[in-house]
Amino acid sequence: MHKPTILIVDDEPKLLLSLQGMIESLGYEILTAFSGSDALNMLDSNDVDLVLSDQNMPGMDGLELLRCMKEQFEDIPFVMLTGHGSIDKAVIAMRKGAVDYLTKPCQKEELESVITRSMKIARLFMERRELKKYVSGLHGFENIITQSNQMRRAIELAEKVAGIPNAAVAIYGESGTGKELFARAIHSASGSLENRFVAVNCAGIPSALLESELYGHVKGAFTGADFERDGKFGMAQKGTILLDEIGDMPIDIQPNLLRVLEERCYEKVGSDTKVNVDFRVIATTHHHLEKLIIYGKFRRDLFHRINRFPIFLPPLRDRKEDIPLLVHHFIKIFHQELGKPIAGISKAAMNVLKNHHWPGNVRELKNILERAAIVSAGKSICPASLDINQNFSHMQDEDLVHLDIKVPTREFSLNAATEKIKDIILNQCDGNKSKAAEMLKINRKRFYRK
């Protein structure tokens, strides 16, 4: 069984030996150091559960050691050893993060009591570390399922910006591509998990209420404001605020938001007291913001303020190599959530998924598979279980041919668009030229010539 380890730091050998004997008799492993710098070296190379340190030592004293520990080993409890005439320094140590203090010479009963209390705190610190690790695993970049080069590039960019505190990020992508997933992963990787991730739906809150939602309000600011309320900005201090679908934010709200981002402060509605801002801003949108600027629906200065680090997420139809990975990932999740075995997915059903246009992207794929998992009743998911047209395209009497044509402006022409359509149809037909010619309603020989 693992014994908790206590590091004792004191420049007086006799006192160090006395403390070591008393603490070893209580059943703890002991490490010793004669100076603050020696203690930091010991912490670098050993698993330590608690530090007991003298206050007065040459070179690095106890308070300086505590300061360094809080920077490098913040989750290790610290107890200050001090003389009867230096209680004021012990109080200072408590204010700076020490969990307790002992006066010298120490009595064994008092020593045991302080160590017992401190070890309970050490267990709480350990549980907090494990919880942070667990939460990080829930929202980390490792949970983004992909083998697409485009998505991998987006992940690389997001990982880089995550380590830069307060750097504004703009995430662009169609609905369902995983913009909020990326935002949460950036927050998780930023090291501020103990602080909040606050999401604001800019498209779902009426203009009249959005400012109160963002900034909060004081009592009496407007009819119905019966008490003071913190807004989303106040909740997000030291953490991350997600301005989801910022392209749908009303134009009259945008000037105040720009001022907050530039001046790093705001006032609650009905107040003129400034509140300083300290959080990371992540904005997401499915809109082309520069087009909204042309139409007068988005401010150019706000665009340049939030667009400092843009990340673009491709739609699912542009990374269809990820579909099998996502399918098996979701099947595993639904197996656990639904509590029944799912035999997998047939090759025919997988081909249906690969050939679908995916206007709803990964969110649509997940919804389709969840329904399929329910109706399959433990069997392998087949094409009939997917029922894509009935539930998602709402075209029960006819099939749809989905085309996503992208041609550089300088190369665009009717012939170029036509050739692109032929390539798309051939791909949807898995390279079967006869079938492609039939879909295009042209002579097969003519298609071969093309």
Protein backbone atom coordinates (compact mmCIF):
# COMPACT_ATOMS: atom_id res chain seq x y z
CA MET A 1 0.00 0.00 0.00
CA HIS A 2 1.33 3.44 -0.96
CA LYS A 3 2.42 5.58 2.00
CA PRO A 4 1.90 9.35 1.64
CA THR A 5 5.20 11.22 1.30
CA ILE A 6 6.05 14.36 3.28
CA LEU A 7 8.95 16.67 2.41
CA ILE A 8 10.49 18.46 5.40
CA VAL A 9 12.55 21.58 4.65
CA ASP A 10 14.79 23.07 7.37
CA ASP A 11 18.39 24.28 7.55
CA GLU A 12 18.78 23.06 11.17
CA PRO A 13 19.86 19.37 11.10
CA LYS A 14 18.77 18.63 14.71
CA LEU A 15 15.26 19.96 14.20
CA LEU A 16 15.03 18.21 10.84
CA LEU A 17 16.03 14.88 12.45
CA SER A 18 13.52 15.38 15.29
CA LEU A 19 10.65 16.09 12.88
CA GLN A 20 11.63 13.15 10.71
CA GLY A 21 11.47 10.75 13.65
CA MET A 22 8.06 11.97 14.85
CA ILE A 23 6.50 11.91 11.38
CA GLU A 24 7.93 8.48 10.48
CA SER A 25 6.35 7.11 13.68
CA LEU A 26 2.99 8.28 12.29
CA GLY A 27 3.42 6.03 9.25
CA TYR A 28 4.55 8.48 6.54
CA GLU A 29 7.43 8.34 4.07
CA ILE A 30 9.88 11.19 4.61
CA LEU A 31 12.08 13.26 2.30
CA THR A 32 14.32 16.01 3.65
CA ALA A 33 15.90 19.16 2.23
CA PHE A 34 18.18 21.76 3.87
CA SER A 35 17.17 24.71 1.65
CA GLY A 36 14.37 26.01 -0.52
CA SER A 37 16.28 25.33 -3.74
CA ASP A 38 16.99 21.75 -2.62
CA ALA A 39 13.27 21.35 -1.91
CA LEU A 40 12.30 22.45 -5.43
CA ASN A 41 14.75 19.91 -6.87
CA MET A 42 13.21 17.20 -4.67
CA LEU A 43 9.74 18.13 -5.87
CA ASP A 44 10.89 17.89 -9.48
CA SER A 45 12.03 14.30 -9.08
CA ASN A 46 9.63 12.83 -6.46
CA ASP A 47 5.91 12.42 -5.82
CA VAL A 48 5.27 14.50 -2.71
CA ASP A 49 1.92 14.78 -0.92
CA LEU A 50 2.77 17.50 1.62
CA VAL A 51 5.55 20.03 2.31
CA LEU A 52 6.53 21.21 5.80
CA SER A 53 8.97 24.11 5.58
CA ASP A 54 10.74 26.36 8.06
CA GLN A 55 10.15 30.08 7.59
CA ASN A 56 13.64 31.45 8.32
CA MET A 57 16.27 29.91 6.05
CA PRO A 58 19.29 31.47 4.32
CA GLY A 59 18.85 32.19 0.62
CA MET A 60 15.31 31.14 -0.30
CA ASP A 61 13.14 31.46 2.80
CA GLY A 62 9.83 29.74 3.45
CA LEU A 63 7.66 32.43 1.87
CA GLU A 64 9.75 32.44 -1.31
CA LEU A 65 9.58 28.62 -1.46
CA LEU A 66 5.79 28.86 -1.09
CA ARG A 67 5.62 31.37 -3.95
CA CYS A 68 7.69 29.12 -6.23
CA MET A 69 5.60 26.10 -5.31
CA LYS A 70 2.38 27.90 -6.18
CA GLU A 71 3.80 28.58 -9.65
CA GLN A 72 5.17 25.08 -10.29
CA PHE A 73 3.41 22.67 -7.89
CA GLU A 74 0.16 24.40 -6.98
CA ASP A 75 -1.64 21.19 -5.95
CA ILE A 76 0.80 20.25 -3.15
CA PRO A 77 -0.31 21.50 0.30
CA PHE A 78 2.23 23.64 2.19
CA VAL A 79 2.57 23.96 5.98
CA MET A 80 4.78 26.71 7.45
CA LEU A 81 7.04 26.05 10.47
CA THR A 82 7.69 29.21 12.45
CA GLY A 83 8.82 30.41 15.87
CA HIS A 84 6.49 31.84 18.54
CA GLY A 85 7.65 35.35 17.74
CA SER A 86 6.90 35.08 14.01
CA ILE A 87 3.18 34.29 13.96
CA ASP A 88 2.63 37.31 11.70
CA LYS A 89 4.73 35.65 8.99
CA ALA A 90 2.68 32.48 9.38
CA VAL A 91 -0.48 34.51 8.80
CA ILE A 92 1.09 36.01 5.67
CA ALA A 93 1.92 32.48 4.50
CA MET A 94 -1.71 31.43 5.00
CA ARG A 95 -2.86 34.37 2.89
CA LYS A 96 -0.43 33.37 0.16
CA GLY A 97 -1.68 29.78 -0.03
CA ALA A 98 -0.29 27.76 2.91
CA VAL A 99 -2.91 25.38 4.29
CA ASP A 100 -1.70 25.59 7.92
CA TYR A 101 1.23 26.47 10.18
CA LEU A 102 3.10 25.00 13.16
CA THR A 103 5.07 26.76 15.86
CA LYS A 104 8.44 25.38 16.94
CA PRO A 105 9.22 23.31 18.89
CA CYS A 106 6.43 21.03 17.63
CA GLN A 107 4.49 18.71 19.91
CA LYS A 108 3.71 15.31 18.40
CA GLU A 109 -0.05 15.58 19.02
CA GLU A 110 -0.27 18.99 17.35
CA LEU A 111 1.97 17.81 14.50
CA GLU A 112 -0.24 14.76 13.90
CA SER A 113 -3.40 16.92 13.91
CA VAL A 114 -2.01 19.40 11.37
CA ILE A 115 -0.69 16.63 9.09
CA THR A 116 -4.05 14.80 9.22
CA ARG A 117 -5.92 17.96 8.18
CA SER A 118 -3.38 18.75 5.47
CA MET A 119 -3.55 15.24 4.03
CA LYS A 120 -7.33 15.62 3.65
CA ILE A 121 -6.64 18.75 1.64
CA ALA A 122 -4.02 16.84 -0.38
CA ARG A 123 -6.68 14.25 -1.26
CA LEU A 124 -9.03 17.01 -2.37
CA PHE A 125 -6.27 18.47 -4.56
CA MET A 126 -5.68 15.03 -6.08
CA GLU A 127 -9.39 14.57 -6.76
CA ARG A 128 -9.46 18.02 -8.41
CA ARG A 129 -6.53 17.03 -10.65
CA GLU A 130 -8.32 13.83 -11.63
CA LEU A 131 -11.55 15.72 -12.30
CA LYS A 132 -9.73 18.28 -14.47
CA LYS A 133 -8.11 15.41 -16.36
CA TYR A 134 -11.51 13.73 -16.82
CA VAL A 135 -13.22 16.93 -18.01
CA SER A 136 -10.31 17.65 -20.33
CA GLY A 137 -10.77 14.18 -21.79
CA LEU A 138 -14.46 14.85 -22.40
CA HIS A 139 -13.82 17.99 -24.44
CA GLY A 140 -10.23 17.55 -25.63
CA PHE A 141 -8.98 17.58 -29.21
CA GLU A 142 -8.57 13.80 -29.01
CA ASN A 143 -12.37 13.54 -29.14
CA ILE A 144 -12.49 15.07 -32.61
CA ILE A 145 -12.81 12.06 -34.91
CA THR A 146 -11.03 12.64 -38.21
CA GLN A 147 -8.42 11.51 -40.69
CA SER A 148 -9.10 14.44 -43.04
CA ASN A 149 -6.14 16.68 -43.83
CA GLN A 150 -8.39 19.76 -43.63
CA MET A 151 -9.64 18.87 -40.17
CA ARG A 152 -6.16 17.94 -38.96
CA ARG A 153 -4.93 21.35 -40.08
CA ALA A 154 -7.81 23.00 -38.18
CA ILE A 155 -6.91 20.99 -35.06
CA GLU A 156 -3.25 22.02 -35.33
CA LEU A 157 -4.23 25.68 -35.49
CA ALA A 158 -6.64 25.33 -32.57
CA GLU A 159 -4.02 23.59 -30.42
CA LYS A 160 -1.54 26.41 -31.08
CA VAL A 161 -3.92 29.22 -30.18
CA ALA A 162 -5.21 27.37 -27.09
CA GLY A 163 -1.91 28.05 -25.33
CA ILE A 164 -2.12 31.83 -25.85
CA PRO A 165 -4.26 33.36 -23.06
CA ASN A 166 -7.07 35.70 -24.12
CA ALA A 167 -6.32 35.31 -27.85
CA ALA A 168 -9.57 35.89 -29.77
CA VAL A 169 -10.57 33.06 -32.13
CA ALA A 170 -13.12 32.98 -34.98
CA ILE A 171 -14.39 29.55 -36.06
CA TYR A 172 -16.18 29.34 -39.41
CA GLY A 173 -18.23 26.42 -40.66
CA GLU A 174 -21.67 25.25 -41.68
CA SER A 175 -24.20 24.21 -39.07
CA GLY A 176 -23.29 20.83 -37.62
CA THR A 177 -19.57 20.87 -38.50
CA GLY A 178 -18.43 20.98 -34.85
CA LYS A 179 -17.74 24.65 -34.16
CA GLU A 180 -18.74 24.44 -30.50
CA LEU A 181 -16.78 21.19 -30.13
CA PHE A 182 -13.67 23.06 -31.28
CA ALA A 183 -14.42 25.99 -28.97
CA ARG A 184 -14.73 23.69 -25.95
CA ALA A 185 -11.52 21.88 -26.91
CA ILE A 186 -9.66 25.21 -27.07
CA HIS A 187 -10.99 26.11 -23.62
CA SER A 188 -10.07 22.68 -22.27
CA ALA A 189 -6.52 22.87 -23.65
CA SER A 190 -6.00 26.42 -22.37
CA GLY A 191 -5.47 25.28 -18.78
CA SER A 192 -8.41 27.28 -17.40
CA LEU A 193 -10.75 24.37 -16.72
CA GLU A 194 -11.45 25.58 -13.19
CA ASN A 195 -13.01 28.65 -14.81
CA ARG A 196 -16.21 28.65 -16.80
CA PHE A 197 -16.99 28.09 -20.44
CA VAL A 198 -20.00 30.31 -21.13
CA ALA A 199 -21.92 30.06 -24.41
CA VAL A 200 -24.17 32.82 -25.76
CA ASN A 201 -26.55 32.06 -28.62
CA CYS A 202 -26.44 35.35 -30.54
CA ALA A 203 -29.15 34.13 -32.93
CA GLY A 204 -31.59 32.90 -30.30
CA ILE A 205 -31.87 35.90 -27.97
CA PRO A 206 -34.09 38.89 -28.94
CA SER A 207 -32.22 42.14 -29.52
CA ALA A 208 -34.00 43.84 -26.61
CA LEU A 209 -32.70 41.21 -24.17
CA LEU A 210 -29.24 40.48 -25.59
CA GLU A 211 -27.42 43.39 -23.90
CA SER A 212 -28.85 42.46 -20.49
CA GLU A 213 -27.90 38.84 -21.18
CA LEU A 214 -24.32 39.81 -22.01
CA TYR A 215 -23.63 42.60 -19.52
CA GLY A 216 -26.11 41.92 -16.72
CA HIS A 217 -28.13 44.70 -15.09
CA VAL A 218 -28.57 46.52 -11.81
CA LYS A 219 -31.78 46.62 -9.82
CA GLY A 220 -34.29 49.04 -11.33
CA ALA A 221 -32.46 49.31 -14.69
CA PHE A 222 -35.74 48.59 -16.49
CA THR A 223 -39.25 47.38 -15.76
CA GLY A 224 -39.01 43.95 -14.20
CA ALA A 225 -35.36 44.32 -13.06
CA ASP A 226 -36.21 43.57 -9.41
CA PHE A 227 -32.68 42.52 -8.46
CA GLU A 228 -29.11 42.91 -9.71
CA ARG A 229 -27.95 40.21 -12.11
CA ASP A 230 -24.60 39.22 -13.55
CA GLY A 231 -24.46 38.77 -17.31
CA LYS A 232 -22.57 36.22 -19.37
CA PHE A 233 -19.45 38.40 -19.36
CA GLY A 234 -19.38 38.36 -15.57
CA MET A 235 -19.83 34.58 -15.48
CA ALA A 236 -16.98 34.06 -17.95
CA GLN A 237 -14.28 35.97 -16.03
CA LYS A 238 -10.92 34.14 -16.19
CA GLY A 239 -12.56 31.61 -18.53
CA THR A 240 -13.96 31.55 -22.07
CA ILE A 241 -17.04 33.13 -23.61
CA LEU A 242 -18.42 31.65 -26.82
CA LEU A 243 -20.36 34.08 -29.03
CA ASP A 244 -22.17 31.42 -31.04
CA GLU A 245 -23.42 32.47 -34.49
CA ILE A 246 -22.13 36.02 -34.06
CA GLY A 247 -23.12 36.76 -37.66
CA ASP A 248 -26.75 36.84 -36.49
CA MET A 249 -26.08 39.42 -33.78
CA PRO A 250 -28.25 42.54 -34.35
CA ILE A 251 -26.24 45.40 -35.88
CA ASP A 252 -27.31 47.83 -33.11
CA ILE A 253 -25.72 45.60 -30.44
CA GLN A 254 -22.37 45.32 -32.21
CA PRO A 255 -20.83 48.74 -31.30
CA ASN A 256 -20.99 48.02 -27.56
CA LEU A 257 -19.49 44.58 -28.07
CA LEU A 258 -16.64 46.10 -30.06
CA ARG A 259 -15.95 48.54 -27.23
CA VAL A 260 -15.83 45.69 -24.71
CA LEU A 261 -13.34 43.75 -26.83
CA GLU A 262 -11.12 46.78 -27.42
CA GLU A 263 -11.23 48.45 -24.00
CA ARG A 264 -11.55 45.19 -21.99
CA CYS A 265 -14.29 46.57 -19.76
CA TYR A 266 -18.07 47.01 -19.70
CA GLU A 267 -20.91 48.41 -17.60
CA LYS A 268 -24.00 46.58 -16.50
CA VAL A 269 -27.26 47.88 -17.95
CA GLY A 270 -28.36 50.82 -15.79
CA SER A 271 -24.91 51.35 -14.25
CA ASP A 272 -21.90 53.54 -15.08
CA THR A 273 -19.44 51.50 -12.97
CA LYS A 274 -16.84 49.84 -15.16
CA VAL A 275 -16.17 46.12 -14.79
CA ASN A 276 -12.84 44.89 -16.14
CA VAL A 277 -12.90 42.02 -18.63
CA ASP A 278 -10.54 39.04 -18.38
CA PHE A 279 -11.63 36.17 -20.61
CA ARG A 280 -11.00 34.58 -23.99
CA VAL A 281 -13.52 35.32 -26.73
CA ILE A 282 -14.37 32.65 -29.30
CA ALA A 283 -16.82 33.61 -32.04
CA THR A 284 -18.46 31.10 -34.37
CA THR A 285 -20.59 31.59 -37.46
CA HIS A 286 -21.89 29.79 -40.52
CA HIS A 287 -22.08 33.13 -42.39
CA HIS A 288 -19.58 34.69 -44.76
CA LEU A 289 -19.02 37.76 -42.58
CA GLU A 290 -17.44 39.84 -45.34
CA LYS A 291 -20.64 39.49 -47.36
CA LEU A 292 -22.67 40.59 -44.33
CA ILE A 293 -20.43 43.68 -44.15
CA ILE A 294 -21.31 44.53 -47.76
CA TYR A 295 -25.02 44.16 -46.96
CA GLY A 296 -24.66 46.41 -43.89
CA LYS A 297 -25.48 43.60 -41.43
CA PHE A 298 -22.07 43.33 -39.75
CA ARG A 299 -19.54 45.96 -38.69
CA ARG A 300 -16.19 45.86 -40.46
CA ASP A 301 -14.30 47.00 -37.35
CA LEU A 302 -15.90 44.22 -35.27
CA PHE A 303 -15.01 41.71 -37.99
CA HIS A 304 -11.33 42.69 -37.85
CA ARG A 305 -11.42 42.50 -34.04
CA ILE A 306 -12.76 38.94 -33.85
CA ASN A 307 -11.07 37.63 -37.01
CA ARG A 308 -7.53 37.77 -35.62
CA PHE A 309 -7.17 33.97 -35.60
CA PRO A 310 -9.64 32.37 -38.04
CA ILE A 311 -10.19 28.60 -38.19
CA PHE A 312 -12.25 27.07 -41.02
CA LEU A 313 -14.06 23.74 -40.57
CA PRO A 314 -14.90 21.82 -43.75
CA PRO A 315 -18.39 20.40 -44.32
CA LEU A 316 -18.79 16.64 -44.04
CA ARG A 317 -19.29 16.27 -47.81
CA ASP A 318 -15.71 17.57 -48.26
CA ARG A 319 -14.24 15.01 -45.86
CA LYS A 320 -16.17 11.87 -46.64
CA GLU A 321 -13.15 9.77 -45.67
CA ASP A 322 -14.22 10.54 -42.09
CA ILE A 323 -17.69 9.00 -42.47
CA PRO A 324 -16.68 5.38 -41.59
CA LEU A 325 -14.74 6.62 -38.54
CA LEU A 326 -17.67 8.73 -37.36
CA VAL A 327 -20.18 5.94 -38.02
CA HIS A 328 -18.31 3.43 -35.85
CA HIS A 329 -17.75 6.08 -33.17
CA PHE A 330 -21.46 6.91 -32.95
CA ILE A 331 -22.49 3.23 -33.05
CA LYS A 332 -20.24 2.63 -30.03
CA ILE A 333 -21.83 5.56 -28.19
CA PHE A 334 -25.39 4.43 -28.98
CA HIS A 335 -24.55 0.88 -27.90
CA GLN A 336 -23.66 2.28 -24.47
CA GLU A 337 -26.52 4.78 -24.25
CA LEU A 338 -29.28 2.50 -25.54
CA GLY A 339 -28.09 -0.49 -23.54
CA LYS A 340 -28.48 -2.97 -26.38
CA PRO A 341 -26.02 -4.55 -28.82
CA ILE A 342 -25.72 -3.10 -32.32
CA ALA A 343 -24.21 -5.55 -34.76
CA GLY A 344 -22.60 -2.85 -36.89
CA ILE A 345 -23.48 -1.47 -40.30
CA SER A 346 -23.80 -3.18 -43.65
CA LYS A 347 -21.62 -2.26 -46.61
CA ALA A 348 -24.70 -1.14 -48.54
CA ALA A 349 -25.76 1.18 -45.70
CA MET A 350 -22.26 2.61 -45.48
CA ASN A 351 -22.35 3.36 -49.22
CA VAL A 352 -25.65 5.19 -48.75
CA LEU A 353 -24.03 7.35 -46.09
CA LYS A 354 -20.96 8.01 -48.22
CA ASN A 355 -23.11 9.15 -51.15
CA HIS A 356 -25.39 11.42 -49.14
CA HIS A 357 -24.88 15.19 -49.49
CA TRP A 358 -25.00 15.91 -45.71
CA PRO A 359 -26.53 19.40 -45.58
CA GLY A 360 -26.68 18.99 -41.77
CA ASN A 361 -23.10 17.69 -41.56
CA VAL A 362 -21.95 15.61 -38.56
CA ARG A 363 -25.02 16.52 -36.50
CA GLU A 364 -27.26 15.09 -39.24
CA LEU A 365 -25.13 11.94 -39.44
CA LYS A 366 -25.43 11.43 -35.69
CA ASN A 367 -29.22 11.90 -35.76
CA ILE A 368 -29.64 9.45 -38.65
CA LEU A 369 -27.50 6.81 -36.94
CA GLU A 370 -29.29 7.23 -33.61
CA ARG A 371 -32.64 6.53 -35.26
CA ALA A 372 -31.14 3.62 -37.18
CA ALA A 373 -29.69 2.15 -33.99
CA ILE A 374 -33.13 2.30 -32.33
CA VAL A 375 -35.06 0.68 -35.19
CA SER A 376 -32.42 -1.96 -35.95
CA ALA A 377 -33.28 -3.82 -32.73
CA GLY A 378 -29.78 -5.21 -32.25
CA LYS A 379 -29.27 -6.15 -35.87
CA SER A 380 -26.80 -4.68 -38.31
CA ILE A 381 -27.84 -1.26 -39.61
CA CYS A 382 -29.10 -1.63 -43.19
CA PRO A 383 -30.16 0.97 -45.80
CA ALA A 384 -33.83 0.67 -44.80
CA SER A 385 -32.92 1.62 -41.22
CA LEU A 386 -31.35 4.88 -42.37
CA ASP A 387 -34.41 6.27 -44.14
CA ILE A 388 -32.51 9.41 -45.07
CA ASN A 389 -34.88 10.86 -47.65
CA GLN A 390 -38.01 10.52 -45.52
CA ASN A 391 -36.61 12.19 -42.45
CA PHE A 392 -34.09 14.67 -43.71
CA SER A 393 -34.78 15.76 -47.27
CA HIS A 394 -38.58 15.52 -46.93
CA MET A 395 -38.83 14.24 -50.52
CA GLN A 396 -40.67 10.93 -50.23
CA ASP A 397 -41.83 10.65 -53.85
CA GLU A 398 -38.59 11.37 -55.64
CA ASP A 399 -34.84 11.10 -55.18
CA LEU A 400 -32.53 14.07 -55.02
CA VAL A 401 -29.21 14.50 -56.77
CA HIS A 402 -26.91 16.67 -54.64
CA LEU A 403 -24.29 18.76 -56.39
CA ASP A 404 -21.59 20.81 -54.70
CA ILE A 405 -19.68 22.62 -57.45
CA LYS A 406 -16.59 24.64 -56.70
CA VAL A 407 -14.64 26.17 -59.58
CA PRO A 408 -12.08 29.02 -59.23
CA THR A 409 -13.53 32.29 -60.56
CA ARG A 410 -10.76 32.71 -63.15
CA GLU A 411 -11.52 29.23 -64.55
CA PHE A 412 -15.31 29.35 -64.34
CA SER A 413 -17.35 28.71 -67.50
CA LEU A 414 -20.32 26.63 -68.55
CA ASN A 415 -17.99 23.93 -69.86
CA ALA A 416 -16.01 23.88 -66.60
CA ALA A 417 -19.23 23.56 -64.57
CA THR A 418 -20.47 20.80 -66.87
CA GLU A 419 -17.24 18.81 -66.52
CA LYS A 420 -17.39 19.25 -62.74
CA ILE A 421 -20.95 17.86 -62.69
CA LYS A 422 -19.82 14.82 -64.69
CA ASP A 423 -17.00 14.19 -62.22
CA ILE A 424 -19.40 14.42 -59.26
CA ILE A 425 -21.93 12.03 -60.81
CA LEU A 426 -19.20 9.55 -61.75
CA ASN A 427 -17.94 9.64 -58.17
CA GLN A 428 -21.48 9.08 -56.83
CA CYS A 429 -21.75 6.07 -59.13
CA ASP A 430 -18.50 4.61 -57.76
CA GLY A 431 -16.81 4.97 -61.17
CA ASN A 432 -19.51 3.10 -63.11
CA LYS A 433 -19.56 5.04 -66.42
CA SER A 434 -22.72 3.34 -67.73
CA LYS A 435 -24.65 4.25 -64.61
CA ALA A 436 -23.27 7.81 -64.67
CA ALA A 437 -24.30 8.25 -68.31
CA GLU A 438 -27.77 6.98 -67.44
CA MET A 439 -28.09 9.48 -64.56
CA LEU A 440 -26.93 12.31 -66.84
CA LYS A 441 -29.35 11.14 -69.55
CA ILE A 442 -26.68 11.22 -72.25
CA ASN A 443 -25.42 8.64 -74.73
CA ARG A 444 -22.97 6.22 -73.09
CA LYS A 445 -20.48 6.52 -75.99
CA ARG A 446 -20.58 10.30 -75.67
CA PHE A 447 -19.84 10.01 -71.95
CA TYR A 448 -16.90 7.67 -72.64
CA ARG A 449 -15.49 10.21 -75.10
CA LYS A 450 -15.74 12.92 -72.47
